[in-house]
Amino acid sequence: MPTTHIQSIPTLPTRAPAVLSLEARLAAVEAAMTVALDEAAVAYEVRTAHIPTTPVADVVTLPLTPTLTPTNPYASPVANLLQRAQQRLLADGWCAGSQIREDGARCLYGAIRAEAAGDRSLEARGLEVLMDAIRSQFSDADSVPTFNDSWANGRVPMQMLGQAAALADSCGQ
């Protein structure tokens, strides 16, 4: 009986699969997506080559800045006053410690007074509704100017103008 030699098959050293970094994985996905999108673009061109197209002759261009003033969104005069005061503060800036600064920034009271345009009754009603809105969230506030001056920036005061406008509108003022 002849002896058989079993020859061993050499094995390659085994290594753990390479771990790709996040950037490498993202690059691989981007490459795969680029190929898929290129194939889709070619397929689209082939499928739609028989469809006649007409070029657009007239192109309408509009200015980047709006030229129309926004309409008053509220039906009541007090709500519109408060909304205009809020828009004035957004456009000209908010300040504390004075009604109006040299650069045009205003406090809550100054913005309402400017937008009331001399109508003292409308101004008083606007301040009253604003104070009601302020007191609904800040019970310790004693006046609009002191509330205004207690803030380091105008985010909350301007937010209160918006809430006061909605309150005036809901009350029909």
N, C-alpha and C. Protein backbone atom coordinates (compact mmCIF):
# COMPACT_ATOMS: atom_id res chain seq x y z
N MET A 1 0.83 -1.14 0.00
CA MET A 1 0.00 0.00 0.00
C MET A 1 0.89 1.23 0.00
N PRO A 2 0.70 1.96 -1.03
CA PRO A 2 1.55 3.15 -1.13
C PRO A 2 1.10 4.20 -0.13
N THR A 3 2.02 4.92 0.28
CA THR A 3 1.69 6.01 1.21
C THR A 3 1.33 7.26 0.42
N THR A 4 0.33 7.87 0.85
CA THR A 4 -0.09 9.11 0.18
C THR A 4 0.33 10.29 1.02
N HIS A 5 0.80 11.18 0.32
CA HIS A 5 1.20 12.41 1.01
C HIS A 5 0.11 13.45 0.82
N ILE A 6 -0.32 13.92 1.85
CA ILE A 6 -1.32 15.00 1.78
C ILE A 6 -0.54 16.31 1.80
N GLN A 7 -0.72 16.94 0.74
CA GLN A 7 -0.01 18.20 0.62
C GLN A 7 -0.90 19.30 1.21
N SER A 8 -0.31 20.08 2.05
CA SER A 8 -1.10 21.15 2.66
C SER A 8 -1.13 22.35 1.73
N ILE A 9 -2.26 22.93 1.68
CA ILE A 9 -2.45 24.12 0.85
C ILE A 9 -2.02 25.34 1.66
N PRO A 10 -1.14 26.11 1.10
CA PRO A 10 -0.71 27.27 1.88
C PRO A 10 -1.87 28.24 2.05
N THR A 11 -1.99 28.79 3.18
CA THR A 11 -3.06 29.77 3.45
C THR A 11 -2.46 31.15 3.55
N LEU A 12 -3.23 32.05 3.10
CA LEU A 12 -2.81 33.44 3.20
C LEU A 12 -3.07 33.94 4.60
N PRO A 13 -2.22 34.79 5.05
CA PRO A 13 -2.50 35.32 6.40
C PRO A 13 -3.83 36.06 6.39
N THR A 14 -4.62 35.88 7.38
CA THR A 14 -5.92 36.54 7.44
C THR A 14 -5.77 37.88 8.14
N ARG A 15 -6.45 38.85 7.56
CA ARG A 15 -6.46 40.19 8.15
C ARG A 15 -7.90 40.60 8.37
N ALA A 16 -8.06 41.41 9.33
CA ALA A 16 -9.40 41.96 9.57
C ALA A 16 -9.71 42.93 8.43
N PRO A 17 -10.97 43.00 8.01
CA PRO A 17 -11.30 43.93 6.93
C PRO A 17 -10.95 45.36 7.34
N ALA A 18 -10.54 46.13 6.34
CA ALA A 18 -10.15 47.52 6.61
C ALA A 18 -11.37 48.33 7.04
N VAL A 19 -11.19 49.13 8.03
CA VAL A 19 -12.26 49.99 8.51
C VAL A 19 -12.07 51.35 7.85
N LEU A 20 -13.10 51.77 7.14
CA LEU A 20 -13.02 53.05 6.45
C LEU A 20 -13.46 54.18 7.38
N SER A 21 -12.83 55.29 7.21
CA SER A 21 -13.22 56.46 7.99
C SER A 21 -14.54 57.00 7.45
N LEU A 22 -15.14 57.89 8.19
CA LEU A 22 -16.40 58.50 7.77
C LEU A 22 -16.22 59.23 6.45
N GLU A 23 -15.11 59.96 6.32
CA GLU A 23 -14.86 60.71 5.08
C GLU A 23 -14.73 59.78 3.89
N ALA A 24 -14.04 58.63 4.09
CA ALA A 24 -13.88 57.67 2.99
C ALA A 24 -15.21 57.06 2.61
N ARG A 25 -16.04 56.72 3.60
CA ARG A 25 -17.37 56.17 3.30
C ARG A 25 -18.24 57.18 2.57
N LEU A 26 -18.20 58.45 3.01
CA LEU A 26 -18.97 59.49 2.33
C LEU A 26 -18.49 59.70 0.90
N ALA A 27 -17.18 59.65 0.68
CA ALA A 27 -16.63 59.79 -0.67
C ALA A 27 -17.08 58.64 -1.55
N ALA A 28 -17.13 57.43 -1.00
CA ALA A 28 -17.57 56.27 -1.77
C ALA A 28 -19.05 56.39 -2.13
N VAL A 29 -19.86 56.83 -1.19
CA VAL A 29 -21.30 57.01 -1.46
C VAL A 29 -21.50 58.12 -2.48
N GLU A 30 -20.74 59.19 -2.36
CA GLU A 30 -20.86 60.29 -3.34
C GLU A 30 -20.48 59.81 -4.74
N ALA A 31 -19.44 59.02 -4.85
CA ALA A 31 -19.03 58.49 -6.15
C ALA A 31 -20.13 57.59 -6.73
N ALA A 32 -20.70 56.73 -5.89
CA ALA A 32 -21.77 55.84 -6.35
C ALA A 32 -23.00 56.64 -6.79
N MET A 33 -23.33 57.69 -6.04
CA MET A 33 -24.48 58.52 -6.40
C MET A 33 -24.21 59.28 -7.71
N THR A 34 -22.99 59.75 -7.89
CA THR A 34 -22.65 60.46 -9.12
C THR A 34 -22.82 59.55 -10.33
N VAL A 35 -22.35 58.31 -10.21
CA VAL A 35 -22.51 57.35 -11.30
C VAL A 35 -24.00 57.09 -11.55
N ALA A 36 -24.77 56.89 -10.50
CA ALA A 36 -26.21 56.62 -10.67
C ALA A 36 -26.93 57.81 -11.30
N LEU A 37 -26.58 59.02 -10.89
CA LEU A 37 -27.21 60.21 -11.47
C LEU A 37 -26.81 60.41 -12.92
N ASP A 38 -25.55 60.13 -13.25
CA ASP A 38 -25.12 60.22 -14.65
C ASP A 38 -25.86 59.22 -15.52
N GLU A 39 -26.02 58.00 -15.02
CA GLU A 39 -26.77 56.99 -15.77
C GLU A 39 -28.23 57.42 -15.94
N ALA A 40 -28.83 57.98 -14.90
CA ALA A 40 -30.22 58.44 -14.99
C ALA A 40 -30.35 59.59 -15.98
N ALA A 41 -29.37 60.48 -16.01
CA ALA A 41 -29.42 61.61 -16.95
C ALA A 41 -29.34 61.12 -18.38
N VAL A 42 -28.48 60.14 -18.64
CA VAL A 42 -28.38 59.59 -19.99
C VAL A 42 -29.68 58.89 -20.36
N ALA A 43 -30.24 58.11 -19.43
CA ALA A 43 -31.50 57.42 -19.70
C ALA A 43 -32.62 58.41 -19.98
N TYR A 44 -32.65 59.51 -19.27
CA TYR A 44 -33.68 60.54 -19.48
C TYR A 44 -33.52 61.15 -20.87
N GLU A 45 -32.29 61.47 -21.23
CA GLU A 45 -32.05 62.06 -22.56
C GLU A 45 -32.49 61.11 -23.67
N VAL A 46 -32.19 59.83 -23.50
CA VAL A 46 -32.57 58.85 -24.52
C VAL A 46 -34.09 58.73 -24.61
N ARG A 47 -34.76 58.67 -23.46
CA ARG A 47 -36.22 58.49 -23.44
C ARG A 47 -36.98 59.72 -23.93
N THR A 48 -36.40 60.90 -23.79
CA THR A 48 -37.13 62.12 -24.16
C THR A 48 -36.58 62.81 -25.41
N ALA A 49 -35.70 62.16 -26.13
CA ALA A 49 -35.08 62.77 -27.31
C ALA A 49 -36.10 63.06 -28.40
N HIS A 50 -37.14 62.29 -28.51
CA HIS A 50 -38.14 62.46 -29.56
C HIS A 50 -39.17 63.56 -29.25
N ILE A 51 -39.19 64.12 -28.04
CA ILE A 51 -40.17 65.12 -27.65
C ILE A 51 -39.68 66.50 -28.10
N PRO A 52 -40.48 67.18 -28.93
CA PRO A 52 -40.04 68.52 -29.37
C PRO A 52 -40.18 69.54 -28.24
N THR A 53 -39.25 70.44 -28.16
CA THR A 53 -39.30 71.49 -27.14
C THR A 53 -39.21 72.84 -27.81
N THR A 54 -39.85 73.82 -27.18
CA THR A 54 -39.75 75.18 -27.69
C THR A 54 -39.07 76.03 -26.62
N PRO A 55 -38.09 76.79 -27.01
CA PRO A 55 -37.40 77.61 -26.02
C PRO A 55 -38.29 78.74 -25.51
N VAL A 56 -38.08 79.13 -24.30
CA VAL A 56 -38.82 80.23 -23.71
C VAL A 56 -38.22 81.52 -24.26
N ALA A 57 -39.08 82.36 -24.85
CA ALA A 57 -38.59 83.58 -25.47
C ALA A 57 -38.49 84.73 -24.48
N ASP A 58 -39.50 84.89 -23.65
CA ASP A 58 -39.53 86.01 -22.72
C ASP A 58 -39.20 85.52 -21.32
N VAL A 59 -38.28 86.20 -20.70
CA VAL A 59 -37.91 85.89 -19.33
C VAL A 59 -38.29 87.08 -18.48
N VAL A 60 -39.03 86.82 -17.42
CA VAL A 60 -39.47 87.88 -16.52
C VAL A 60 -38.46 87.98 -15.39
N THR A 61 -37.96 89.18 -15.17
CA THR A 61 -37.05 89.39 -14.04
C THR A 61 -37.71 90.36 -13.06
N LEU A 62 -37.50 90.11 -11.82
CA LEU A 62 -38.07 90.94 -10.76
C LEU A 62 -36.94 91.50 -9.91
N PRO A 63 -37.17 92.65 -9.29
CA PRO A 63 -36.13 93.17 -8.40
C PRO A 63 -35.98 92.28 -7.17
N LEU A 64 -34.78 92.24 -6.62
CA LEU A 64 -34.53 91.41 -5.46
C LEU A 64 -35.14 91.99 -4.19
N THR A 65 -35.28 93.29 -4.15
CA THR A 65 -35.89 93.92 -2.97
C THR A 65 -37.33 94.26 -3.30
N PRO A 66 -38.24 93.99 -2.39
CA PRO A 66 -39.65 94.30 -2.66
C PRO A 66 -39.86 95.81 -2.75
N THR A 67 -40.72 96.20 -3.68
CA THR A 67 -41.00 97.61 -3.85
C THR A 67 -42.36 98.00 -3.29
N LEU A 68 -43.20 97.02 -3.00
CA LEU A 68 -44.52 97.31 -2.46
C LEU A 68 -44.45 97.29 -0.94
N THR A 69 -45.18 98.17 -0.32
CA THR A 69 -45.26 98.15 1.14
C THR A 69 -46.29 97.10 1.54
N PRO A 70 -46.04 96.35 2.60
CA PRO A 70 -46.99 95.33 3.00
C PRO A 70 -48.31 95.95 3.46
N THR A 71 -49.38 95.28 3.15
CA THR A 71 -50.69 95.76 3.58
C THR A 71 -50.88 95.42 5.05
N ASN A 72 -51.78 96.12 5.67
CA ASN A 72 -52.06 95.86 7.08
C ASN A 72 -52.84 94.55 7.19
N PRO A 73 -52.30 93.60 7.94
CA PRO A 73 -52.97 92.31 8.01
C PRO A 73 -54.17 92.28 8.95
N TYR A 74 -54.33 93.32 9.76
CA TYR A 74 -55.41 93.32 10.74
C TYR A 74 -56.51 94.29 10.34
N ALA A 75 -57.71 93.99 10.80
CA ALA A 75 -58.86 94.84 10.50
C ALA A 75 -58.99 96.00 11.48
N SER A 76 -58.46 95.85 12.68
CA SER A 76 -58.65 96.89 13.70
C SER A 76 -57.50 97.90 13.66
N PRO A 77 -57.79 99.16 13.95
CA PRO A 77 -56.75 100.20 13.88
C PRO A 77 -55.65 100.02 14.93
N VAL A 78 -55.99 99.57 16.13
CA VAL A 78 -54.98 99.40 17.18
C VAL A 78 -54.04 98.25 16.81
N ALA A 79 -54.59 97.16 16.30
CA ALA A 79 -53.76 96.04 15.89
C ALA A 79 -52.82 96.45 14.77
N ASN A 80 -53.33 97.24 13.82
CA ASN A 80 -52.48 97.73 12.74
C ASN A 80 -51.39 98.66 13.26
N LEU A 81 -51.74 99.51 14.21
CA LEU A 81 -50.74 100.40 14.82
C LEU A 81 -49.61 99.58 15.45
N LEU A 82 -49.96 98.58 16.22
CA LEU A 82 -48.95 97.76 16.90
C LEU A 82 -48.11 96.97 15.90
N GLN A 83 -48.74 96.50 14.85
CA GLN A 83 -48.00 95.77 13.81
C GLN A 83 -47.04 96.71 13.08
N ARG A 84 -47.48 97.92 12.78
CA ARG A 84 -46.59 98.90 12.12
C ARG A 84 -45.44 99.30 13.04
N ALA A 85 -45.71 99.42 14.34
CA ALA A 85 -44.64 99.74 15.30
C ALA A 85 -43.60 98.63 15.33
N GLN A 86 -44.07 97.39 15.28
CA GLN A 86 -43.14 96.26 15.25
C GLN A 86 -42.29 96.30 13.98
N GLN A 87 -42.92 96.59 12.85
CA GLN A 87 -42.18 96.67 11.59
C GLN A 87 -41.17 97.83 11.62
N ARG A 88 -41.54 98.92 12.25
CA ARG A 88 -40.62 100.05 12.37
C ARG A 88 -39.39 99.66 13.18
N LEU A 89 -39.60 98.94 14.27
CA LEU A 89 -38.47 98.50 15.09
C LEU A 89 -37.59 97.51 14.32
N LEU A 90 -38.21 96.66 13.54
CA LEU A 90 -37.42 95.72 12.75
C LEU A 90 -36.59 96.45 11.70
N ALA A 91 -37.16 97.50 11.12
CA ALA A 91 -36.46 98.24 10.07
C ALA A 91 -35.44 99.23 10.62
N ASP A 92 -35.82 99.99 11.64
CA ASP A 92 -34.96 101.07 12.13
C ASP A 92 -34.13 100.70 13.34
N GLY A 93 -34.50 99.64 14.03
CA GLY A 93 -33.75 99.22 15.20
C GLY A 93 -34.47 99.52 16.49
N TRP A 94 -34.07 98.81 17.53
CA TRP A 94 -34.65 98.94 18.86
C TRP A 94 -33.61 99.55 19.78
N CYS A 95 -34.06 100.33 20.74
CA CYS A 95 -33.13 100.88 21.73
C CYS A 95 -33.80 100.91 23.10
N ALA A 96 -32.98 101.08 24.12
CA ALA A 96 -33.45 101.22 25.49
C ALA A 96 -32.88 102.51 26.04
N GLY A 97 -33.60 103.11 26.97
CA GLY A 97 -33.10 104.31 27.64
C GLY A 97 -33.51 105.62 27.02
N SER A 98 -34.05 105.59 25.83
CA SER A 98 -34.54 106.83 25.20
C SER A 98 -35.61 106.45 24.17
N GLN A 99 -36.44 107.44 23.81
CA GLN A 99 -37.49 107.17 22.83
C GLN A 99 -36.91 106.93 21.45
N ILE A 100 -35.89 107.72 21.11
CA ILE A 100 -35.27 107.60 19.79
C ILE A 100 -33.80 107.94 19.92
N ARG A 101 -32.97 107.14 19.26
CA ARG A 101 -31.54 107.42 19.22
C ARG A 101 -31.22 108.21 17.96
N GLU A 102 -29.99 108.72 17.89
CA GLU A 102 -29.56 109.49 16.72
C GLU A 102 -29.60 108.66 15.44
N ASP A 103 -29.37 107.35 15.55
CA ASP A 103 -29.36 106.49 14.36
C ASP A 103 -30.77 106.06 13.93
N GLY A 104 -31.81 106.50 14.65
CA GLY A 104 -33.19 106.20 14.28
C GLY A 104 -33.82 105.06 15.05
N ALA A 105 -33.04 104.34 15.83
CA ALA A 105 -33.60 103.24 16.63
C ALA A 105 -34.55 103.82 17.67
N ARG A 106 -35.61 103.07 17.98
CA ARG A 106 -36.64 103.55 18.91
C ARG A 106 -36.93 102.49 19.97
N CYS A 107 -37.54 102.96 21.04
CA CYS A 107 -38.06 102.05 22.06
C CYS A 107 -39.50 101.70 21.68
N LEU A 108 -40.13 100.84 22.47
CA LEU A 108 -41.52 100.47 22.21
C LEU A 108 -42.42 101.69 22.15
N TYR A 109 -42.30 102.54 23.18
CA TYR A 109 -43.14 103.73 23.25
C TYR A 109 -42.87 104.65 22.06
N GLY A 110 -41.60 104.84 21.73
CA GLY A 110 -41.25 105.71 20.61
C GLY A 110 -41.78 105.21 19.27
N ALA A 111 -41.76 103.89 19.08
CA ALA A 111 -42.26 103.32 17.83
C ALA A 111 -43.78 103.48 17.73
N ILE A 112 -44.48 103.25 18.83
CA ILE A 112 -45.94 103.42 18.82
C ILE A 112 -46.30 104.87 18.58
N ARG A 113 -45.59 105.77 19.25
CA ARG A 113 -45.87 107.20 19.10
C ARG A 113 -45.63 107.65 17.66
N ALA A 114 -44.55 107.18 17.05
CA ALA A 114 -44.26 107.56 15.67
C ALA A 114 -45.32 107.03 14.71
N GLU A 115 -45.75 105.79 14.92
CA GLU A 115 -46.74 105.20 14.02
C GLU A 115 -48.14 105.74 14.24
N ALA A 116 -48.42 106.26 15.42
CA ALA A 116 -49.73 106.86 15.68
C ALA A 116 -49.87 108.20 14.96
N ALA A 117 -48.76 108.81 14.60
CA ALA A 117 -48.73 110.05 13.80
C ALA A 117 -49.60 111.15 14.41
N GLY A 118 -49.48 111.34 15.71
CA GLY A 118 -50.20 112.44 16.36
C GLY A 118 -51.58 112.10 16.88
N ASP A 119 -52.09 110.94 16.57
CA ASP A 119 -53.41 110.52 17.06
C ASP A 119 -53.22 109.99 18.49
N ARG A 120 -53.40 110.88 19.48
CA ARG A 120 -53.13 110.53 20.88
C ARG A 120 -54.08 109.45 21.40
N SER A 121 -55.29 109.42 20.91
CA SER A 121 -56.25 108.40 21.34
C SER A 121 -55.79 107.01 20.87
N LEU A 122 -55.39 106.93 19.60
CA LEU A 122 -54.89 105.67 19.05
C LEU A 122 -53.62 105.24 19.77
N GLU A 123 -52.74 106.19 20.05
CA GLU A 123 -51.50 105.91 20.77
C GLU A 123 -51.79 105.34 22.16
N ALA A 124 -52.72 105.97 22.87
CA ALA A 124 -53.06 105.52 24.22
C ALA A 124 -53.67 104.13 24.21
N ARG A 125 -54.55 103.86 23.25
CA ARG A 125 -55.16 102.53 23.15
C ARG A 125 -54.11 101.48 22.81
N GLY A 126 -53.17 101.83 21.94
CA GLY A 126 -52.10 100.91 21.59
C GLY A 126 -51.22 100.58 22.78
N LEU A 127 -50.87 101.61 23.55
CA LEU A 127 -50.06 101.38 24.75
C LEU A 127 -50.80 100.55 25.79
N GLU A 128 -52.11 100.76 25.89
CA GLU A 128 -52.92 100.00 26.84
C GLU A 128 -52.95 98.52 26.48
N VAL A 129 -53.16 98.22 25.19
CA VAL A 129 -53.19 96.82 24.76
C VAL A 129 -51.81 96.19 24.91
N LEU A 130 -50.76 96.96 24.58
CA LEU A 130 -49.41 96.44 24.75
C LEU A 130 -49.14 96.11 26.22
N MET A 131 -49.58 96.99 27.11
CA MET A 131 -49.37 96.74 28.54
C MET A 131 -50.15 95.51 28.99
N ASP A 132 -51.35 95.31 28.46
CA ASP A 132 -52.11 94.09 28.79
C ASP A 132 -51.37 92.84 28.33
N ALA A 133 -50.79 92.90 27.14
CA ALA A 133 -50.03 91.75 26.62
C ALA A 133 -48.79 91.50 27.47
N ILE A 134 -48.12 92.57 27.86
CA ILE A 134 -46.92 92.44 28.70
C ILE A 134 -47.28 91.83 30.04
N ARG A 135 -48.33 92.35 30.67
CA ARG A 135 -48.72 91.85 32.00
C ARG A 135 -49.22 90.41 31.97
N SER A 136 -49.69 89.96 30.82
CA SER A 136 -50.12 88.56 30.74
C SER A 136 -48.95 87.60 30.90
N GLN A 137 -47.73 88.07 30.63
CA GLN A 137 -46.55 87.21 30.78
C GLN A 137 -45.57 87.70 31.84
N PHE A 138 -45.60 89.00 32.10
CA PHE A 138 -44.67 89.60 33.07
C PHE A 138 -45.50 90.43 34.04
N SER A 139 -45.99 89.78 35.08
CA SER A 139 -46.93 90.43 35.99
C SER A 139 -46.30 91.58 36.78
N ASP A 140 -44.98 91.61 36.89
CA ASP A 140 -44.33 92.65 37.67
C ASP A 140 -44.03 93.91 36.86
N ALA A 141 -44.36 93.94 35.57
CA ALA A 141 -44.09 95.12 34.74
C ALA A 141 -45.04 96.24 35.14
N ASP A 142 -44.49 97.45 35.33
CA ASP A 142 -45.36 98.55 35.76
C ASP A 142 -45.63 99.56 34.66
N SER A 143 -44.82 99.60 33.59
CA SER A 143 -45.09 100.50 32.47
C SER A 143 -44.36 99.99 31.23
N VAL A 144 -44.77 100.49 30.08
CA VAL A 144 -44.13 100.09 28.83
C VAL A 144 -42.67 100.54 28.80
N PRO A 145 -42.35 101.80 29.16
CA PRO A 145 -40.93 102.20 29.13
C PRO A 145 -40.04 101.38 30.08
N THR A 146 -40.51 101.09 31.29
CA THR A 146 -39.66 100.30 32.20
C THR A 146 -39.51 98.87 31.72
N PHE A 147 -40.56 98.31 31.11
CA PHE A 147 -40.45 96.98 30.52
C PHE A 147 -39.43 97.00 29.39
N ASN A 148 -39.53 98.00 28.52
CA ASN A 148 -38.61 98.14 27.40
C ASN A 148 -37.17 98.23 27.87
N ASP A 149 -36.94 99.06 28.88
CA ASP A 149 -35.57 99.32 29.34
C ASP A 149 -34.98 98.18 30.16
N SER A 150 -35.78 97.18 30.50
CA SER A 150 -35.28 96.08 31.30
C SER A 150 -34.63 94.99 30.45
N TRP A 151 -34.58 95.17 29.14
CA TRP A 151 -34.03 94.15 28.24
C TRP A 151 -32.71 94.62 27.63
N ALA A 152 -31.82 93.67 27.41
CA ALA A 152 -30.52 93.97 26.80
C ALA A 152 -30.61 94.02 25.28
N ASN A 153 -31.59 93.33 24.71
CA ASN A 153 -31.81 93.41 23.26
C ASN A 153 -33.31 93.47 23.01
N GLY A 154 -33.68 93.74 21.76
CA GLY A 154 -35.08 94.00 21.44
C GLY A 154 -35.90 92.79 21.07
N ARG A 155 -35.38 91.59 21.20
CA ARG A 155 -36.12 90.42 20.76
C ARG A 155 -37.44 90.26 21.50
N VAL A 156 -37.42 90.28 22.82
CA VAL A 156 -38.66 90.09 23.60
C VAL A 156 -39.59 91.30 23.46
N PRO A 157 -39.09 92.55 23.55
CA PRO A 157 -40.01 93.68 23.35
C PRO A 157 -40.71 93.65 22.00
N MET A 158 -39.98 93.33 20.94
CA MET A 158 -40.62 93.27 19.62
C MET A 158 -41.60 92.11 19.53
N GLN A 159 -41.27 91.01 20.20
CA GLN A 159 -42.19 89.87 20.24
C GLN A 159 -43.49 90.27 20.95
N MET A 160 -43.37 91.07 22.00
CA MET A 160 -44.56 91.52 22.72
C MET A 160 -45.43 92.42 21.85
N LEU A 161 -44.82 93.21 20.97
CA LEU A 161 -45.62 94.02 20.04
C LEU A 161 -46.45 93.13 19.14
N GLY A 162 -45.86 92.06 18.64
CA GLY A 162 -46.61 91.12 17.80
C GLY A 162 -47.75 90.46 18.55
N GLN A 163 -47.49 90.07 19.80
CA GLN A 163 -48.55 89.46 20.60
C GLN A 163 -49.64 90.47 20.94
N ALA A 164 -49.24 91.72 21.17
CA ALA A 164 -50.23 92.75 21.45
C ALA A 164 -51.09 93.02 20.22
N ALA A 165 -50.51 93.00 19.05
CA ALA A 165 -51.28 93.19 17.81
C ALA A 165 -52.31 92.08 17.65
N ALA A 166 -51.89 90.85 17.92
CA ALA A 166 -52.83 89.73 17.82
C ALA A 166 -53.94 89.84 18.87
N LEU A 167 -53.57 90.31 20.07
CA LEU A 167 -54.56 90.51 21.14
C LEU A 167 -55.56 91.59 20.74
N ALA A 168 -55.07 92.70 20.21
CA ALA A 168 -55.97 93.79 19.79
C ALA A 168 -56.90 93.31 18.67
N ASP A 169 -56.37 92.53 17.78
CA ASP A 169 -57.18 92.01 16.68
C ASP A 169 -58.25 91.06 17.20
N SER A 170 -57.90 90.20 18.14
CA SER A 170 -58.88 89.27 18.66
C SER A 170 -59.98 89.97 19.47
N CYS A 171 -59.63 91.13 20.07
CA CYS A 171 -60.62 91.91 20.81
C CYS A 171 -61.36 92.90 19.93
N GLY A 172 -60.95 93.02 18.67
CA GLY A 172 -61.60 93.94 17.74
C GLY A 172 -61.28 95.39 18.02
N GLN A 173 -60.12 95.67 18.57
CA GLN A 173 -59.77 97.07 18.88
C GLN A 173 -59.05 97.70 17.74
